[in-house]
C-alpha cells in the first residue's frame, strides 16, 4: 500500500504541483481513507520527502546501470549525459521543491556530489585517452555539465517552441558533446 500511495502522489504532484495536490486527492484516487495514508506517512511533507528519496535512489541506480551497460569510454560518457536528469520531472516541480521544501532541496544538491564521483574519473579517463582536451580542468567540465543539465529551463521557451523537456536535454547533450561547429563543413562555403 505504501508504494501505491507514493506512486499516486507522484502522479498527482505532476498534475497539480507539490502544493496543489492534497492527501484527500491521494485517498480519493486510491479509494482509501486519509487515515490509511496517515498509517504510512505522518504528513504531506513526509510523503514528499519519501518521494524525493525514492527519486534519488532511482537516479543513483540508473547512473550505475548506465556505467555497467557500456564498455567504451564514449558510450559511457554519452550515457552519463543522457541519464543526467529524469525526463519525466517537470522543471516547475523542481522550482517549487527548491522554493517551499528546503530540506528536500539539500538532498537534491547532494546528488551533485554523487554525480561528480562518477563523472570526474570518466573525464580524467577521457583526457588520458586523448578524447577530451587536456587544457580543460576536469572540475570545470563536471561543474559545467551539472549546471547545464540542472538549470531549470524556461517553460515559456519549451511551450513556444513546442518541445519537450526530453527533446531539450537531447539538444543540450548534443551541444555539449559535439559543439555547434560542423566539422565536416566544406571550406568553399566560408
N, C-alpha and C. Protein backbone atom coordinates (compact mmCIF):
# COMPACT_ATOMS: atom_id res chain seq x y z
N UNK A 1 0.83 -1.20 0.00
CA UNK A 1 0.00 0.00 0.00
C UNK A 1 0.88 1.26 0.00
N UNK A 2 1.96 1.21 0.72
CA UNK A 2 2.87 2.35 0.80
C UNK A 2 3.33 2.78 -0.60
N UNK A 3 3.73 1.78 -1.40
CA UNK A 3 4.21 2.08 -2.76
C UNK A 3 3.09 2.64 -3.63
N UNK A 4 1.90 2.11 -3.48
CA UNK A 4 0.76 2.62 -4.25
C UNK A 4 0.48 4.08 -3.89
N UNK A 5 0.59 4.40 -2.62
CA UNK A 5 0.37 5.78 -2.17
C UNK A 5 1.44 6.69 -2.78
N UNK A 6 2.69 6.25 -2.74
CA UNK A 6 3.78 7.05 -3.32
C UNK A 6 3.58 7.25 -4.82
N UNK A 7 3.22 6.18 -5.52
CA UNK A 7 3.01 6.27 -6.97
C UNK A 7 1.88 7.24 -7.31
N UNK A 8 0.78 7.14 -6.58
CA UNK A 8 -0.37 8.01 -6.85
C UNK A 8 -0.02 9.45 -6.50
N UNK A 9 0.69 9.67 -5.40
CA UNK A 9 1.10 11.03 -5.02
C UNK A 9 1.99 11.62 -6.09
N UNK A 10 2.91 10.83 -6.62
CA UNK A 10 3.81 11.31 -7.68
C UNK A 10 3.01 11.72 -8.91
N UNK A 11 2.05 10.89 -9.28
CA UNK A 11 1.19 11.20 -10.42
C UNK A 11 0.43 12.51 -10.19
N UNK A 12 -0.12 12.69 -8.99
CA UNK A 12 -0.89 13.89 -8.68
C UNK A 12 0.00 15.12 -8.57
N UNK A 13 1.21 14.95 -8.08
CA UNK A 13 2.16 16.06 -8.00
C UNK A 13 2.49 16.55 -9.39
N UNK A 14 2.68 15.62 -10.31
CA UNK A 14 2.98 16.03 -11.69
C UNK A 14 1.80 16.79 -12.30
N UNK A 15 0.61 16.42 -11.91
CA UNK A 15 -0.58 17.07 -12.45
C UNK A 15 -0.85 18.42 -11.78
N UNK A 16 -0.76 18.47 -10.43
CA UNK A 16 -1.19 19.66 -9.70
C UNK A 16 -0.07 20.44 -9.03
N UNK A 17 1.13 19.88 -8.99
CA UNK A 17 2.22 20.53 -8.29
C UNK A 17 2.33 20.05 -6.85
N UNK A 18 3.43 20.40 -6.21
CA UNK A 18 3.68 19.96 -4.84
C UNK A 18 2.69 20.57 -3.85
N UNK A 19 2.39 21.81 -4.05
CA UNK A 19 1.48 22.48 -3.12
C UNK A 19 0.02 22.29 -3.52
N UNK A 20 -0.22 21.90 -4.78
CA UNK A 20 -1.59 21.77 -5.27
C UNK A 20 -2.26 20.45 -4.96
N UNK A 21 -1.48 19.39 -4.81
CA UNK A 21 -2.11 18.10 -4.52
C UNK A 21 -2.38 18.01 -3.02
N UNK A 22 -3.38 17.22 -2.67
CA UNK A 22 -3.73 17.06 -1.25
C UNK A 22 -3.76 15.59 -0.89
N UNK A 23 -3.73 15.33 0.39
CA UNK A 23 -3.87 13.96 0.87
C UNK A 23 -5.27 13.45 0.54
N UNK A 24 -6.25 14.35 0.52
CA UNK A 24 -7.62 13.97 0.11
C UNK A 24 -7.61 13.47 -1.33
N UNK A 25 -6.84 14.16 -2.20
CA UNK A 25 -6.74 13.74 -3.60
C UNK A 25 -6.18 12.32 -3.69
N UNK A 26 -5.11 12.06 -2.95
CA UNK A 26 -4.48 10.75 -2.99
C UNK A 26 -5.46 9.68 -2.51
N UNK A 27 -6.10 9.95 -1.38
CA UNK A 27 -7.06 8.99 -0.83
C UNK A 27 -8.20 8.74 -1.81
N UNK A 28 -8.75 9.81 -2.38
CA UNK A 28 -9.86 9.68 -3.32
C UNK A 28 -9.48 8.88 -4.55
N UNK A 29 -8.33 9.15 -5.10
CA UNK A 29 -7.88 8.44 -6.31
C UNK A 29 -7.64 6.96 -6.03
N UNK A 30 -7.18 6.64 -4.82
CA UNK A 30 -6.90 5.24 -4.48
C UNK A 30 -8.12 4.52 -3.89
N UNK A 31 -9.16 5.30 -3.57
CA UNK A 31 -10.34 4.70 -2.96
C UNK A 31 -10.08 4.22 -1.54
N UNK A 32 -9.24 4.96 -0.83
CA UNK A 32 -8.93 4.63 0.57
C UNK A 32 -9.21 5.86 1.43
N UNK A 33 -9.14 5.69 2.73
CA UNK A 33 -9.33 6.83 3.63
C UNK A 33 -8.00 7.54 3.87
N UNK A 34 -8.10 8.80 4.26
CA UNK A 34 -6.87 9.54 4.63
C UNK A 34 -6.20 8.86 5.81
N UNK A 35 -7.00 8.27 6.66
CA UNK A 35 -6.47 7.59 7.84
C UNK A 35 -5.48 6.49 7.42
N UNK A 36 -5.80 5.80 6.32
CA UNK A 36 -4.91 4.76 5.80
C UNK A 36 -3.58 5.38 5.36
N UNK A 37 -3.64 6.52 4.71
CA UNK A 37 -2.42 7.19 4.27
C UNK A 37 -1.57 7.56 5.48
N UNK A 38 -2.24 8.08 6.52
CA UNK A 38 -1.50 8.52 7.71
C UNK A 38 -0.93 7.36 8.52
N UNK A 39 -1.31 6.13 8.22
CA UNK A 39 -0.64 4.98 8.83
C UNK A 39 0.78 4.84 8.30
N UNK A 40 0.99 5.32 7.07
CA UNK A 40 2.29 5.18 6.42
C UNK A 40 3.10 6.47 6.43
N UNK A 41 2.42 7.61 6.42
CA UNK A 41 3.08 8.91 6.34
C UNK A 41 2.47 9.85 7.37
N UNK A 42 3.31 10.46 8.18
CA UNK A 42 2.83 11.36 9.24
C UNK A 42 2.22 12.64 8.68
N UNK A 43 2.70 13.04 7.48
CA UNK A 43 2.25 14.32 6.93
C UNK A 43 2.49 14.34 5.42
N UNK A 44 1.95 15.33 4.79
CA UNK A 44 2.17 15.54 3.36
C UNK A 44 3.66 15.78 3.12
N UNK A 45 4.29 16.52 4.01
CA UNK A 45 5.72 16.80 3.88
C UNK A 45 6.53 15.50 3.93
N UNK A 46 6.19 14.60 4.83
CA UNK A 46 6.91 13.33 4.91
C UNK A 46 6.70 12.52 3.64
N UNK A 47 5.51 12.55 3.07
CA UNK A 47 5.24 11.85 1.83
C UNK A 47 6.12 12.42 0.71
N UNK A 48 6.19 13.73 0.63
CA UNK A 48 7.04 14.38 -0.38
C UNK A 48 8.50 14.01 -0.15
N UNK A 49 8.93 14.00 1.10
CA UNK A 49 10.30 13.64 1.44
C UNK A 49 10.62 12.22 0.98
N UNK A 50 9.69 11.30 1.20
CA UNK A 50 9.88 9.91 0.77
C UNK A 50 9.94 9.80 -0.76
N UNK A 51 9.14 10.61 -1.44
CA UNK A 51 9.18 10.62 -2.90
C UNK A 51 10.55 11.09 -3.40
N UNK A 52 11.05 12.16 -2.79
CA UNK A 52 12.38 12.67 -3.17
C UNK A 52 13.43 11.60 -2.94
N UNK A 53 13.37 10.92 -1.79
CA UNK A 53 14.32 9.84 -1.51
C UNK A 53 14.23 8.75 -2.57
N UNK A 54 13.02 8.39 -2.97
CA UNK A 54 12.83 7.35 -3.99
C UNK A 54 13.41 7.77 -5.33
N UNK A 55 13.16 9.02 -5.72
CA UNK A 55 13.68 9.53 -6.99
C UNK A 55 15.20 9.53 -6.99
N UNK A 56 15.79 9.92 -5.86
CA UNK A 56 17.25 9.93 -5.74
C UNK A 56 17.81 8.52 -5.87
N UNK A 57 17.18 7.56 -5.22
CA UNK A 57 17.65 6.17 -5.32
C UNK A 57 17.54 5.64 -6.74
N UNK A 58 16.45 5.96 -7.43
CA UNK A 58 16.28 5.54 -8.82
C UNK A 58 17.37 6.17 -9.68
N UNK A 59 17.66 7.45 -9.46
CA UNK A 59 18.69 8.11 -10.25
C UNK A 59 20.06 7.49 -10.01
N UNK A 60 20.38 7.19 -8.76
CA UNK A 60 21.67 6.55 -8.45
C UNK A 60 21.77 5.19 -9.15
N UNK A 61 20.71 4.42 -9.06
CA UNK A 61 20.70 3.10 -9.69
C UNK A 61 20.83 3.24 -11.22
N UNK A 62 20.15 4.23 -11.79
CA UNK A 62 20.20 4.45 -13.24
C UNK A 62 21.62 4.80 -13.68
N UNK A 63 22.29 5.66 -12.92
CA UNK A 63 23.68 6.02 -13.25
C UNK A 63 24.57 4.79 -13.22
N UNK A 64 24.46 4.01 -12.15
CA UNK A 64 25.32 2.82 -12.01
C UNK A 64 25.04 1.82 -13.13
N UNK A 65 23.77 1.61 -13.45
CA UNK A 65 23.43 0.67 -14.52
C UNK A 65 23.94 1.17 -15.86
N UNK A 66 23.85 2.47 -16.10
CA UNK A 66 24.34 3.03 -17.36
C UNK A 66 25.84 2.79 -17.51
N UNK A 67 26.56 2.92 -16.42
CA UNK A 67 28.01 2.69 -16.47
C UNK A 67 28.31 1.22 -16.73
N UNK A 68 27.58 0.34 -16.12
CA UNK A 68 27.88 -1.08 -16.27
C UNK A 68 27.42 -1.65 -17.62
N UNK A 69 26.45 -1.02 -18.26
CA UNK A 69 25.92 -1.49 -19.55
C UNK A 69 26.85 -1.21 -20.71
N UNK A 70 27.70 -0.23 -20.57
CA UNK A 70 28.54 0.20 -21.70
C UNK A 70 30.00 -0.15 -21.46
N UNK A 71 30.69 -0.43 -22.56
CA UNK A 71 32.09 -0.83 -22.42
C UNK A 71 33.07 0.25 -22.87
N UNK A 72 32.74 1.01 -23.91
CA UNK A 72 33.69 2.01 -24.39
C UNK A 72 33.52 3.32 -23.63
N UNK A 73 34.58 4.09 -23.62
CA UNK A 73 34.56 5.38 -22.94
C UNK A 73 33.46 6.27 -23.52
N UNK A 74 33.40 6.37 -24.83
CA UNK A 74 32.43 7.26 -25.46
C UNK A 74 30.99 6.84 -25.14
N UNK A 75 30.72 5.56 -25.15
CA UNK A 75 29.38 5.08 -24.79
C UNK A 75 29.03 5.46 -23.36
N UNK A 76 29.98 5.30 -22.44
CA UNK A 76 29.75 5.65 -21.04
C UNK A 76 29.51 7.15 -20.89
N UNK A 77 30.33 7.94 -21.57
CA UNK A 77 30.21 9.39 -21.46
C UNK A 77 28.86 9.85 -22.00
N UNK A 78 28.51 9.34 -23.16
CA UNK A 78 27.22 9.73 -23.75
C UNK A 78 26.05 9.25 -22.89
N UNK A 79 26.17 8.06 -22.32
CA UNK A 79 25.12 7.55 -21.43
C UNK A 79 24.98 8.44 -20.21
N UNK A 80 26.09 8.89 -19.66
CA UNK A 80 26.02 9.76 -18.49
C UNK A 80 25.31 11.07 -18.83
N UNK A 81 25.55 11.59 -20.01
CA UNK A 81 24.86 12.82 -20.40
C UNK A 81 23.38 12.55 -20.65
N UNK A 82 23.06 11.38 -21.12
CA UNK A 82 21.68 11.04 -21.42
C UNK A 82 20.85 10.82 -20.16
N UNK A 83 21.42 10.18 -19.16
CA UNK A 83 20.66 9.86 -17.95
C UNK A 83 20.80 10.92 -16.88
N UNK A 84 21.35 12.06 -17.22
CA UNK A 84 21.66 13.06 -16.20
C UNK A 84 20.45 13.53 -15.42
N UNK A 85 19.32 13.67 -16.04
CA UNK A 85 18.14 14.15 -15.33
C UNK A 85 16.93 13.33 -15.73
N UNK A 86 16.15 12.90 -14.75
CA UNK A 86 14.94 12.16 -15.11
C UNK A 86 14.06 13.02 -16.02
N UNK A 87 13.65 12.45 -17.14
CA UNK A 87 12.93 13.23 -18.15
C UNK A 87 11.49 13.53 -17.77
N UNK A 88 10.94 12.78 -16.83
CA UNK A 88 9.52 12.98 -16.55
C UNK A 88 9.26 13.93 -15.38
N UNK A 89 10.28 14.59 -14.87
CA UNK A 89 10.08 15.54 -13.78
C UNK A 89 10.05 16.94 -14.38
N UNK A 90 8.88 17.59 -14.36
CA UNK A 90 8.81 18.95 -14.91
C UNK A 90 9.63 19.93 -14.08
N UNK A 91 10.27 20.86 -14.75
CA UNK A 91 11.12 21.83 -14.06
C UNK A 91 10.33 22.67 -13.06
N UNK A 92 9.05 22.88 -13.33
CA UNK A 92 8.26 23.69 -12.40
C UNK A 92 8.21 23.02 -11.03
N UNK A 93 8.27 21.68 -11.00
CA UNK A 93 8.27 20.97 -9.73
C UNK A 93 9.60 21.12 -9.00
N UNK A 94 10.69 21.12 -9.74
CA UNK A 94 12.00 21.34 -9.12
C UNK A 94 12.03 22.73 -8.51
N UNK A 95 11.54 23.71 -9.24
CA UNK A 95 11.49 25.08 -8.74
C UNK A 95 10.62 25.17 -7.48
N UNK A 96 9.48 24.52 -7.50
CA UNK A 96 8.57 24.52 -6.36
C UNK A 96 9.21 23.81 -5.16
N UNK A 97 9.88 22.71 -5.41
CA UNK A 97 10.57 21.98 -4.35
C UNK A 97 11.64 22.85 -3.70
N UNK A 98 12.44 23.50 -4.52
CA UNK A 98 13.50 24.36 -4.00
C UNK A 98 12.93 25.53 -3.19
N UNK A 99 11.83 26.06 -3.65
CA UNK A 99 11.26 27.23 -3.00
C UNK A 99 10.57 26.90 -1.68
N UNK A 100 9.83 25.80 -1.62
CA UNK A 100 8.98 25.53 -0.47
C UNK A 100 9.42 24.37 0.42
N UNK A 101 10.39 23.59 -0.04
CA UNK A 101 10.84 22.44 0.74
C UNK A 101 12.37 22.43 0.81
N UNK A 102 12.94 23.34 1.60
CA UNK A 102 14.40 23.49 1.63
C UNK A 102 15.17 22.24 2.07
N UNK A 103 14.60 21.43 2.95
CA UNK A 103 15.30 20.20 3.36
C UNK A 103 15.41 19.23 2.19
N UNK A 104 14.42 19.21 1.36
CA UNK A 104 14.46 18.33 0.19
C UNK A 104 15.43 18.88 -0.85
N UNK A 105 15.53 20.18 -0.92
CA UNK A 105 16.49 20.81 -1.83
C UNK A 105 17.91 20.36 -1.48
N UNK A 106 18.21 20.27 -0.20
CA UNK A 106 19.54 19.84 0.25
C UNK A 106 19.82 18.42 -0.26
N UNK A 107 18.83 17.54 -0.21
CA UNK A 107 19.00 16.17 -0.71
C UNK A 107 19.34 16.17 -2.20
N UNK A 108 18.62 16.99 -2.95
CA UNK A 108 18.85 17.07 -4.39
C UNK A 108 20.26 17.59 -4.66
N UNK A 109 20.67 18.58 -3.90
CA UNK A 109 22.00 19.15 -4.10
C UNK A 109 23.10 18.15 -3.76
N UNK A 110 22.84 17.23 -2.84
CA UNK A 110 23.83 16.19 -2.50
C UNK A 110 24.02 15.22 -3.66
N UNK A 111 23.03 15.12 -4.53
CA UNK A 111 23.17 14.28 -5.71
C UNK A 111 24.30 14.77 -6.61
N UNK A 112 24.57 16.06 -6.56
CA UNK A 112 25.65 16.62 -7.37
C UNK A 112 26.98 15.96 -7.01
N UNK A 113 27.20 15.69 -5.74
CA UNK A 113 28.44 15.03 -5.31
C UNK A 113 28.49 13.59 -5.82
N UNK A 114 27.37 12.90 -5.77
CA UNK A 114 27.31 11.53 -6.30
C UNK A 114 27.65 11.53 -7.79
N UNK A 115 27.03 12.46 -8.54
CA UNK A 115 27.29 12.55 -9.98
C UNK A 115 28.76 12.87 -10.24
N UNK A 116 29.30 13.77 -9.44
CA UNK A 116 30.71 14.16 -9.60
C UNK A 116 31.62 12.95 -9.42
N UNK A 117 31.31 12.11 -8.44
CA UNK A 117 32.13 10.93 -8.18
C UNK A 117 32.13 9.97 -9.36
N UNK A 118 31.09 10.00 -10.16
CA UNK A 118 31.03 9.15 -11.36
C UNK A 118 31.66 9.87 -12.55
N UNK A 119 31.31 11.14 -12.71
CA UNK A 119 31.75 11.88 -13.90
C UNK A 119 33.23 12.25 -13.88
N UNK A 120 33.74 12.64 -12.74
CA UNK A 120 35.12 13.12 -12.66
C UNK A 120 36.12 12.08 -13.19
N UNK A 121 36.08 10.83 -12.70
CA UNK A 121 37.01 9.85 -13.25
C UNK A 121 36.80 9.58 -14.74
N UNK A 122 35.56 9.69 -15.18
CA UNK A 122 35.26 9.49 -16.59
C UNK A 122 35.90 10.60 -17.44
N UNK A 123 35.85 11.82 -16.93
CA UNK A 123 36.50 12.95 -17.62
C UNK A 123 38.02 12.73 -17.65
N UNK A 124 38.58 12.34 -16.51
CA UNK A 124 40.03 12.09 -16.46
C UNK A 124 40.43 10.97 -17.41
N UNK A 125 39.62 9.93 -17.47
CA UNK A 125 39.90 8.83 -18.39
C UNK A 125 39.86 9.32 -19.83
N UNK A 126 38.88 10.16 -20.15
CA UNK A 126 38.78 10.72 -21.49
C UNK A 126 39.99 11.58 -21.85
N UNK A 127 40.49 12.31 -20.86
CA UNK A 127 41.69 13.11 -21.11
C UNK A 127 42.91 12.22 -21.32
N UNK A 128 43.04 11.18 -20.52
CA UNK A 128 44.17 10.26 -20.66
C UNK A 128 44.15 9.55 -22.02
N UNK A 129 42.95 9.31 -22.54
CA UNK A 129 42.81 8.63 -23.83
C UNK A 129 42.92 9.60 -25.01
N UNK A 130 42.98 10.90 -24.73
CA UNK A 130 43.04 11.88 -25.80
C UNK A 130 41.67 12.23 -26.37
N UNK A 131 40.61 11.82 -25.71
CA UNK A 131 39.25 12.11 -26.18
C UNK A 131 38.80 13.51 -25.75
N UNK A 132 39.31 13.97 -24.63
CA UNK A 132 38.97 15.30 -24.12
C UNK A 132 40.27 16.10 -24.02
N UNK A 133 40.19 17.34 -24.42
CA UNK A 133 41.37 18.21 -24.41
C UNK A 133 41.95 18.32 -23.00
N UNK A 134 43.26 18.29 -22.93
CA UNK A 134 43.96 18.36 -21.64
C UNK A 134 43.96 19.76 -21.03
N UNK A 135 43.71 20.79 -21.86
CA UNK A 135 43.74 22.16 -21.32
C UNK A 135 42.46 22.53 -20.58
N UNK A 136 41.51 21.58 -20.48
CA UNK A 136 40.29 21.81 -19.71
C UNK A 136 40.41 21.13 -18.36
N UNK A 137 40.09 21.86 -17.31
CA UNK A 137 40.12 21.34 -15.95
C UNK A 137 38.91 20.42 -15.75
N UNK A 138 39.13 19.16 -15.31
CA UNK A 138 38.01 18.24 -15.10
C UNK A 138 36.95 18.78 -14.13
N UNK A 139 37.37 19.51 -13.12
CA UNK A 139 36.39 20.09 -12.18
C UNK A 139 35.46 21.06 -12.89
N UNK A 140 36.00 21.85 -13.78
CA UNK A 140 35.19 22.83 -14.51
C UNK A 140 34.25 22.11 -15.48
N UNK A 141 34.74 21.07 -16.14
CA UNK A 141 33.89 20.31 -17.05
C UNK A 141 32.71 19.71 -16.28
N UNK A 142 32.99 19.07 -15.16
CA UNK A 142 31.93 18.45 -14.36
C UNK A 142 30.94 19.51 -13.88
N UNK A 143 31.46 20.64 -13.43
CA UNK A 143 30.60 21.73 -12.96
C UNK A 143 29.72 22.25 -14.09
N UNK A 144 30.29 22.42 -15.27
CA UNK A 144 29.51 22.90 -16.41
C UNK A 144 28.42 21.91 -16.80
N UNK A 145 28.75 20.62 -16.79
CA UNK A 145 27.75 19.61 -17.13
C UNK A 145 26.61 19.68 -16.11
N UNK A 146 26.98 19.73 -14.85
CA UNK A 146 25.95 19.80 -13.80
C UNK A 146 25.08 21.04 -13.99
N UNK A 147 25.69 22.20 -14.17
CA UNK A 147 24.92 23.43 -14.32
C UNK A 147 24.07 23.43 -15.58
N UNK A 148 24.61 22.89 -16.65
CA UNK A 148 23.88 22.85 -17.90
C UNK A 148 22.62 22.02 -17.78
N UNK A 149 22.74 20.87 -17.15
CA UNK A 149 21.60 19.95 -17.09
C UNK A 149 20.67 20.20 -15.91
N UNK A 150 21.11 20.94 -14.92
CA UNK A 150 20.27 21.15 -13.76
C UNK A 150 19.66 22.54 -13.69
N UNK A 151 20.06 23.44 -14.56
CA UNK A 151 19.46 24.76 -14.58
C UNK A 151 18.06 24.64 -15.16
N UNK A 152 17.07 25.03 -14.39
CA UNK A 152 15.70 24.90 -14.90
C UNK A 152 15.51 25.66 -16.20
N UNK A 153 14.86 25.01 -17.13
CA UNK A 153 14.57 25.62 -18.42
C UNK A 153 13.37 26.54 -18.30
N UNK A 154 13.34 27.53 -19.12
CA UNK A 154 12.22 28.45 -19.16
C UNK A 154 11.03 27.72 -19.80
N UNK A 155 10.01 27.46 -19.00
CA UNK A 155 8.88 26.70 -19.52
C UNK A 155 8.19 27.43 -20.67
N UNK A 156 8.25 28.75 -20.69
CA UNK A 156 7.66 29.50 -21.80
C UNK A 156 8.40 29.19 -23.10
N UNK A 157 9.72 29.04 -23.01
CA UNK A 157 10.51 28.67 -24.19
C UNK A 157 10.08 27.29 -24.68
N UNK A 158 9.96 26.35 -23.76
CA UNK A 158 9.56 25.00 -24.16
C UNK A 158 8.20 25.02 -24.84
N UNK A 159 7.26 25.78 -24.27
CA UNK A 159 5.92 25.85 -24.84
C UNK A 159 5.93 26.57 -26.18
N UNK A 160 6.67 27.67 -26.29
CA UNK A 160 6.66 28.45 -27.53
C UNK A 160 7.33 27.70 -28.68
N UNK A 161 8.28 26.85 -28.37
CA UNK A 161 8.98 26.09 -29.40
C UNK A 161 8.37 24.70 -29.60
N UNK A 162 7.35 24.38 -28.80
CA UNK A 162 6.68 23.10 -28.86
C UNK A 162 7.67 21.94 -28.76
N UNK A 163 8.55 22.02 -27.73
CA UNK A 163 9.50 20.94 -27.48
C UNK A 163 9.30 20.42 -26.06
N UNK A 164 9.65 19.17 -25.89
CA UNK A 164 9.53 18.56 -24.58
C UNK A 164 10.83 18.73 -23.81
N UNK A 165 10.77 18.47 -22.52
CA UNK A 165 11.99 18.52 -21.70
C UNK A 165 12.99 17.49 -22.22
N UNK A 166 12.50 16.31 -22.62
CA UNK A 166 13.38 15.28 -23.16
C UNK A 166 14.10 15.78 -24.41
N UNK A 167 13.37 16.44 -25.31
CA UNK A 167 13.98 16.98 -26.53
C UNK A 167 15.00 18.07 -26.19
N UNK A 168 14.67 18.90 -25.20
CA UNK A 168 15.60 19.95 -24.77
C UNK A 168 16.90 19.33 -24.28
N UNK A 169 16.80 18.29 -23.45
CA UNK A 169 18.01 17.65 -22.92
C UNK A 169 18.82 16.98 -24.02
N UNK A 170 18.15 16.41 -25.00
CA UNK A 170 18.87 15.79 -26.11
C UNK A 170 19.66 16.86 -26.88
N UNK A 171 19.04 18.01 -27.11
CA UNK A 171 19.74 19.11 -27.79
C UNK A 171 20.92 19.60 -26.95
N UNK A 172 20.70 19.75 -25.64
CA UNK A 172 21.78 20.22 -24.75
C UNK A 172 22.93 19.22 -24.73
N UNK A 173 22.59 17.93 -24.69
CA UNK A 173 23.63 16.89 -24.70
C UNK A 173 24.44 16.98 -25.98
N UNK A 174 23.76 17.08 -27.12
CA UNK A 174 24.47 17.17 -28.39
C UNK A 174 25.29 18.44 -28.49
N UNK A 175 24.77 19.53 -27.97
CA UNK A 175 25.52 20.79 -27.98
C UNK A 175 26.80 20.64 -27.17
N UNK A 176 26.69 20.07 -25.99
CA UNK A 176 27.87 19.91 -25.14
C UNK A 176 28.85 18.91 -25.74
N UNK A 177 28.32 17.79 -26.20
CA UNK A 177 29.16 16.70 -26.67
C UNK A 177 29.82 16.99 -28.01
N UNK A 178 29.07 17.58 -28.93
CA UNK A 178 29.57 17.77 -30.28
C UNK A 178 29.84 19.22 -30.66
N UNK A 179 29.36 20.18 -29.86
CA UNK A 179 29.56 21.58 -30.18
C UNK A 179 28.59 22.06 -31.25
N UNK A 180 28.78 23.30 -31.69
CA UNK A 180 27.89 23.85 -32.70
C UNK A 180 28.55 23.92 -34.07
N UNK A 181 29.83 23.61 -34.14
CA UNK A 181 30.52 23.70 -35.41
C UNK A 181 30.33 22.43 -36.23
N UNK A 182 30.15 22.60 -37.50
CA UNK A 182 30.06 21.48 -38.42
C UNK A 182 31.47 21.13 -38.84
N UNK A 183 32.04 20.10 -38.27
CA UNK A 183 33.45 19.76 -38.52
C UNK A 183 33.69 19.23 -39.92
N UNK A 184 32.67 18.78 -40.61
CA UNK A 184 32.84 18.27 -41.95
C UNK A 184 32.46 19.30 -43.01
N UNK A 185 32.30 20.55 -42.59
CA UNK A 185 31.82 21.60 -43.50
C UNK A 185 32.82 21.86 -44.62
N UNK A 186 32.32 22.07 -45.80
CA UNK A 186 33.13 22.37 -46.97
C UNK A 186 33.74 23.76 -46.85
N UNK A 187 35.02 23.90 -47.05
CA UNK A 187 35.71 25.18 -46.89
C UNK A 187 35.27 26.22 -47.94
N UNK A 188 34.70 25.77 -49.06
CA UNK A 188 34.25 26.71 -50.09
C UNK A 188 33.08 27.56 -49.61
N UNK A 189 32.39 27.13 -48.58
CA UNK A 189 31.24 27.86 -48.07
C UNK A 189 31.63 28.93 -47.06
N UNK A 190 32.92 29.14 -46.82
CA UNK A 190 33.35 30.13 -45.82
C UNK A 190 33.16 31.54 -46.30
